[in-house]
PDB file of N, CA and C in Angstrom:
ATOM      1  N   MET A   1     201.806  70.295  54.706  1.00  0.00           N
ATOM      2  CA  MET A   1     203.536  70.375  54.359  1.00  0.00           C
ATOM      3  C   MET A   1     203.698  71.870  53.660  1.00  0.00           C
ATOM      4  N   GLU A   2     204.673  72.437  53.625  1.00  0.00           N
ATOM      5  CA  GLU A   2     205.219  74.241  53.821  1.00  0.00           C
ATOM      6  C   GLU A   2     205.595  73.728  51.942  1.00  0.00           C
ATOM      7  N   VAL A   3     205.508  75.068  51.408  1.00  0.00           N
ATOM      8  CA  VAL A   3     205.511  75.700  49.619  1.00  0.00           C
ATOM      9  C   VAL A   3     206.205  75.921  49.810  1.00  0.00           C
ATOM     10  N   ILE A   4     207.748  76.533  49.539  1.00  0.00           N
ATOM     11  CA  ILE A   4     209.153  76.783  49.898  1.00  0.00           C
ATOM     12  C   ILE A   4     209.108  77.158  48.679  1.00  0.00           C
ATOM     13  N   THR A   5     208.941  78.784  48.004  1.00  0.00           N
ATOM     14  CA  THR A   5     209.232  79.079  46.364  1.00  0.00           C
ATOM     15  C   THR A   5     211.122  79.192  46.235  1.00  0.00           C
ATOM     16  N   LYS A   6     210.818  78.687  44.644  1.00  0.00           N
ATOM     17  CA  LYS A   6     213.205  78.893  44.350  1.00  0.00           C
ATOM     18  C   LYS A   6     213.528  79.958  45.029  1.00  0.00           C
ATOM     19  N   GLU A   7     213.273  80.767  45.423  1.00  0.00           N
ATOM     20  CA  GLU A   7     213.676  82.452  46.215  1.00  0.00           C
ATOM     21  C   GLU A   7     214.206  82.054  47.291  1.00  0.00           C
ATOM     22  N   GLN A   8     213.048  81.206  47.718  1.00  0.00           N
ATOM     23  CA  GLN A   8     213.798  81.255  49.360  1.00  0.00           C
ATOM     24  C   GLN A   8     214.269  79.778  49.289  1.00  0.00           C
ATOM     25  N   VAL A   9     214.747  78.975  48.281  1.00  0.00           N
ATOM     26  CA  VAL A   9     215.101  77.811  48.475  1.00  0.00           C
ATOM     27  C   VAL A   9     217.011  78.945  47.628  1.00  0.00           C
ATOM     28  N   ASP A  10     217.097  79.487  46.858  1.00  0.00           N
ATOM     29  CA  ASP A  10     218.414  80.051  46.182  1.00  0.00           C
ATOM     30  C   ASP A  10     218.863  80.735  47.286  1.00  0.00           C
ATOM     31  N   LYS A  11     218.218  81.370  48.392  1.00  0.00           N
ATOM     32  CA  LYS A  11     218.708  82.532  49.788  1.00  0.00           C
ATOM     33  C   LYS A  11     219.153  81.466  50.926  1.00  0.00           C
ATOM     34  N   GLN A  12     218.747  80.202  50.867  1.00  0.00           N
ATOM     35  CA  GLN A  12     219.280  79.060  51.936  1.00  0.00           C
ATOM     36  C   GLN A  12     220.464  79.149  50.999  1.00  0.00           C
ATOM     37  N   ILE A  13     220.483  78.742  49.447  1.00  0.00           N
ATOM     38  CA  ILE A  13     221.965  77.779  49.542  1.00  0.00           C
ATOM     39  C   ILE A  13     223.346  79.230  49.323  1.00  0.00           C
ATOM     40  N   ALA A  14     222.969  80.827  49.093  1.00  0.00           N
ATOM     41  CA  ALA A  14     223.282  81.858  49.452  1.00  0.00           C
ATOM     42  C   ALA A  14     224.073  81.678  50.643  1.00  0.00           C
ATOM     43  N   ASP A  15     222.974  81.528  51.488  1.00  0.00           N
ATOM     44  CA  ASP A  15     223.437  81.907  53.202  1.00  0.00           C
ATOM     45  C   ASP A  15     224.111  80.568  53.339  1.00  0.00           C
ATOM     46  N   LEU A  16     224.052  79.238  52.543  1.00  0.00           N
ATOM     47  CA  LEU A  16     224.972  78.348  52.850  1.00  0.00           C
ATOM     48  C   LEU A  16     226.775  78.713  52.730  1.00  0.00           C
ATOM     49  N   THR A  17     226.486  78.789  51.561  1.00  0.00           N
ATOM     50  CA  THR A  17     227.158  79.030  50.537  1.00  0.00           C
ATOM     51  C   THR A  17     228.669  79.749  51.351  1.00  0.00           C
ATOM     52  N   ALA A  18     227.520  80.917  52.309  1.00  0.00           N
ATOM     53  CA  ALA A  18     228.740  82.104  52.719  1.00  0.00           C
ATOM     54  C   ALA A  18     229.217  81.630  53.695  1.00  0.00           C
ATOM     55  N   ARG A  19     229.068  80.298  54.340  1.00  0.00           N
ATOM     56  CA  ARG A  19     229.475  79.632  55.594  1.00  0.00           C
ATOM     57  C   ARG A  19     231.015  78.984  54.957  1.00  0.00           C
ATOM     58  N   LEU A  20     231.017  78.011  53.870  1.00  0.00           N
ATOM     59  CA  LEU A  20     232.181  77.704  53.554  1.00  0.00           C
ATOM     60  C   LEU A  20     233.196  78.052  54.728  1.00  0.00           C
ATOM     61  N   THR A  21     233.841  77.338  54.672  1.00  0.00           N
ATOM     62  CA  THR A  21     235.324  77.732  55.562  1.00  0.00           C
ATOM     63  C   THR A  21     236.780  77.306  54.309  1.00  0.00           C
ATOM     64  N   GLY A  22     236.536  76.301  53.578  1.00  0.00           N
ATOM     65  CA  GLY A  22     237.425  76.037  52.470  1.00  0.00           C
ATOM     66  C   GLY A  22     238.113  74.605  52.913  1.00  0.00           C
ATOM     67  N   ASP A  23     237.749  73.951  54.220  1.00  0.00           N
ATOM     68  CA  ASP A  23     238.107  72.689  54.686  1.00  0.00           C
ATOM     69  C   ASP A  23     237.036  71.667  54.506  1.00  0.00           C
ATOM     70  N   MET A  24     237.227  70.811  53.552  1.00  0.00           N
ATOM     71  CA  MET A  24     236.626  69.793  52.667  1.00  0.00           C
ATOM     72  C   MET A  24     235.712  69.218  54.536  1.00  0.00           C
ATOM     73  N   PHE A  25     236.354  68.856  54.881  1.00  0.00           N
ATOM     74  CA  PHE A  25     235.948  67.777  56.918  1.00  0.00           C
ATOM     75  C   PHE A  25     235.195  69.255  57.264  1.00  0.00           C
ATOM     76  N   GLN A  26     235.077  70.473  57.875  1.00  0.00           N
ATOM     77  CA  GLN A  26     234.499  70.715  57.931  1.00  0.00           C
ATOM     78  C   GLN A  26     233.148  71.750  56.982  1.00  0.00           C
ATOM     79  N   ASP A  27     233.199  71.357  56.029  1.00  0.00           N
ATOM     80  CA  ASP A  27     232.576  71.599  54.566  1.00  0.00           C
ATOM     81  C   ASP A  27     231.407  70.701  54.449  1.00  0.00           C
ATOM     82  N   MET A  28     231.432  69.475  54.419  1.00  0.00           N
ATOM     83  CA  MET A  28     231.107  68.191  54.323  1.00  0.00           C
ATOM     84  C   MET A  28     229.332  68.522  54.308  1.00  0.00           C
ATOM     85  N   GLU A  29     229.131  68.551  56.119  1.00  0.00           N
ATOM     86  CA  GLU A  29     227.701  68.663  55.801  1.00  0.00           C
ATOM     87  C   GLU A  29     227.270  70.149  55.360  1.00  0.00           C
ATOM     88  N   ILE A  30     227.692  71.049  55.421  1.00  0.00           N
ATOM     89  CA  ILE A  30     227.240  72.484  55.074  1.00  0.00           C
ATOM     90  C   ILE A  30     226.849  71.605  53.008  1.00  0.00           C
ATOM     91  N   LYS A  31     227.477  71.164  52.418  1.00  0.00           N
ATOM     92  CA  LYS A  31     227.796  71.196  51.037  1.00  0.00           C
ATOM     93  C   LYS A  31     226.436  70.058  50.966  1.00  0.00           C
ATOM     94  N   ASP A  32     226.410  69.112  52.023  1.00  0.00           N
ATOM     95  CA  ASP A  32     225.449  68.516  51.946  1.00  0.00           C
ATOM     96  C   ASP A  32     223.987  68.812  51.598  1.00  0.00           C
ATOM     97  N   GLN A  33     224.143  69.714  52.601  1.00  0.00           N
ATOM     98  CA  GLN A  33     222.324  70.604  52.870  1.00  0.00           C
ATOM     99  C   GLN A  33     222.310  71.857  51.465  1.00  0.00           C
ATOM    100  N   ILE A  34     223.709  71.940  50.911  1.00  0.00           N
ATOM    101  CA  ILE A  34     223.286  72.644  49.867  1.00  0.00           C
ATOM    102  C   ILE A  34     223.070  71.754  48.106  1.00  0.00           C
ATOM    103  N   HIS A  35     223.697  70.920  48.068  1.00  0.00           N
ATOM    104  CA  HIS A  35     223.060  69.593  46.841  1.00  0.00           C
ATOM    105  C   HIS A  35     221.375  69.058  47.795  1.00  0.00           C
ATOM    106  N   ASN A  36     221.534  68.790  48.404  1.00  0.00           N
ATOM    107  CA  ASN A  36     219.609  68.739  49.053  1.00  0.00           C
ATOM    108  C   ASN A  36     219.235  69.691  48.162  1.00  0.00           C
ATOM    109  N   LEU A  37     219.551  71.310  48.390  1.00  0.00           N
ATOM    110  CA  LEU A  37     218.129  72.165  48.510  1.00  0.00           C
ATOM    111  C   LEU A  37     218.242  72.923  46.585  1.00  0.00           C
ATOM    112  N   LYS A  38     219.556  72.092  45.752  1.00  0.00           N
ATOM    113  CA  LYS A  38     219.554  72.561  44.630  1.00  0.00           C
ATOM    114  C   LYS A  38     218.706  70.679  43.958  1.00  0.00           C
ATOM    115  N   MET A  39     218.702  69.668  44.291  1.00  0.00           N
ATOM    116  CA  MET A  39     217.873  69.004  43.791  1.00  0.00           C
ATOM    117  C   MET A  39     216.746  69.245  44.148  1.00  0.00           C
ATOM    118  N   LYS A  40     216.498  70.077  45.435  1.00  0.00           N
ATOM    119  CA  LYS A  40     214.460  70.196  45.097  1.00  0.00           C
ATOM    120  C   LYS A  40     214.653  71.123  43.862  1.00  0.00           C
ATOM    121  N   SER A  41     215.607  72.439  44.235  1.00  0.00           N
ATOM    122  CA  SER A  41     215.130  73.370  43.680  1.00  0.00           C
ATOM    123  C   SER A  41     214.755  72.126  41.945  1.00  0.00           C
ATOM    124  N   ASN A  42     215.477  72.090  41.736  1.00  0.00           N
ATOM    125  CA  ASN A  42     215.983  71.408  40.266  1.00  0.00           C
ATOM    126  C   ASN A  42     214.943  70.561  39.628  1.00  0.00           C
ATOM    127  N   GLY A  43     214.058  69.417  40.645  1.00  0.00           N
ATOM    128  CA  GLY A  43     213.107  68.932  41.527  1.00  0.00           C
ATOM    129  C   GLY A  43     213.784  67.534  40.554  1.00  0.00           C
ATOM    130  N   VAL A  44     214.702  67.337  41.127  1.00  0.00           N
ATOM    131  CA  VAL A  44     215.722  66.389  40.480  1.00  0.00           C
ATOM    132  C   VAL A  44     215.614  65.279  42.082  1.00  0.00           C
ATOM    133  N   LYS A  45     215.089  63.928  41.818  1.00  0.00           N
ATOM    134  CA  LYS A  45     215.164  62.745  43.023  1.00  0.00           C
ATOM    135  C   LYS A  45     215.143  61.622  41.845  1.00  0.00           C
ATOM    136  N   PRO A  46     215.579  60.231  42.537  1.00  0.00           N
ATOM    137  CA  PRO A  46     215.464  59.335  41.718  1.00  0.00           C
ATOM    138  C   PRO A  46     214.538  59.128  41.654  1.00  0.00           C
ATOM    139  N   MET A  47     213.724  58.067  40.632  1.00  0.00           N
ATOM    140  CA  MET A  47     212.906  57.613  39.732  1.00  0.00           C
ATOM    141  C   MET A  47     212.551  56.697  40.887  1.00  0.00           C
ATOM    142  N   ASP A  48     211.394  56.709  41.375  1.00  0.00           N
ATOM    143  CA  ASP A  48     210.508  55.420  41.966  1.00  0.00           C
ATOM    144  C   ASP A  48     211.081  55.826  43.594  1.00  0.00           C
ATOM    145  N   SER A  49     211.177  57.029  43.532  1.00  0.00           N
ATOM    146  CA  SER A  49     211.813  56.942  45.213  1.00  0.00           C
ATOM    147  C   SER A  49     211.432  58.243  46.171  1.00  0.00           C
ATOM    148  N   SER A  50     210.710  57.581  46.947  1.00  0.00           N
ATOM    149  CA  SER A  50     210.276  58.852  47.985  1.00  0.00           C
ATOM    150  C   SER A  50     211.286  59.330  48.980  1.00  0.00           C
ATOM    151  N   PHE A  51     212.558  58.801  48.984  1.00  0.00           N
ATOM    152  CA  PHE A  51     213.471  59.815  49.478  1.00  0.00           C
ATOM    153  C   PHE A  51     214.263  60.276  48.757  1.00  0.00           C
ATOM    154  N   GLU A  52     214.629  61.203  49.047  1.00  0.00           N
ATOM    155  CA  GLU A  52     215.506  63.267  48.915  1.00  0.00           C
ATOM    156  C   GLU A  52     216.548  62.450  47.793  1.00  0.00           C
ATOM    157  N   CYS A  53     217.767  61.072  47.887  1.00  0.00           N
ATOM    158  CA  CYS A  53     219.023  61.365  47.497  1.00  0.00           C
ATOM    159  C   CYS A  53     219.276  59.961  47.497  1.00  0.00           C
ATOM    160  N   VAL A  54     218.503  58.665  47.371  1.00  0.00           N
ATOM    161  CA  VAL A  54     218.968  57.551  47.403  1.00  0.00           C
ATOM    162  C   VAL A  54     219.912  57.881  46.215  1.00  0.00           C
ATOM    163  N   GLY A  55     219.663  57.904  45.264  1.00  0.00           N
ATOM    164  CA  GLY A  55     220.017  56.930  43.870  1.00  0.00           C
ATOM    165  C   GLY A  55     221.694  57.980  43.974  1.00  0.00           C
ATOM    166  N   CYS A  56     221.783  59.389  45.061  1.00  0.00           N
ATOM    167  CA  CYS A  56     223.492  59.114  44.610  1.00  0.00           C
ATOM    168  C   CYS A  56     224.612  58.928  45.980  1.00  0.00           C
ATOM    169  N   GLY A  57     223.413  58.612  46.599  1.00  0.00           N
ATOM    170  CA  GLY A  57     223.650  58.010  48.098  1.00  0.00           C
ATOM    171  C   GLY A  57     224.228  59.560  49.310  1.00  0.00           C
ATOM    172  N   SER A  58     224.078  60.773  49.251  1.00  0.00           N
ATOM    173  CA  SER A  58     223.661  61.641  49.930  1.00  0.00           C
ATOM    174  C   SER A  58     223.086  61.480  50.868  1.00  0.00           C
TER     175      SER A  58
END
């Protein structure tokens, strides 16, 4: 399993944020990716879950 540093995650978030268009429907997938990266960066996921984000439905 590849270890990703916080700096790499922050850069990915910045790159994705720069791609946002302001159109909710076009940006939905990018915002989902940003959300997942932020959760990974903060070490957050539902308790007793092996899935990334079952608790919030993403």
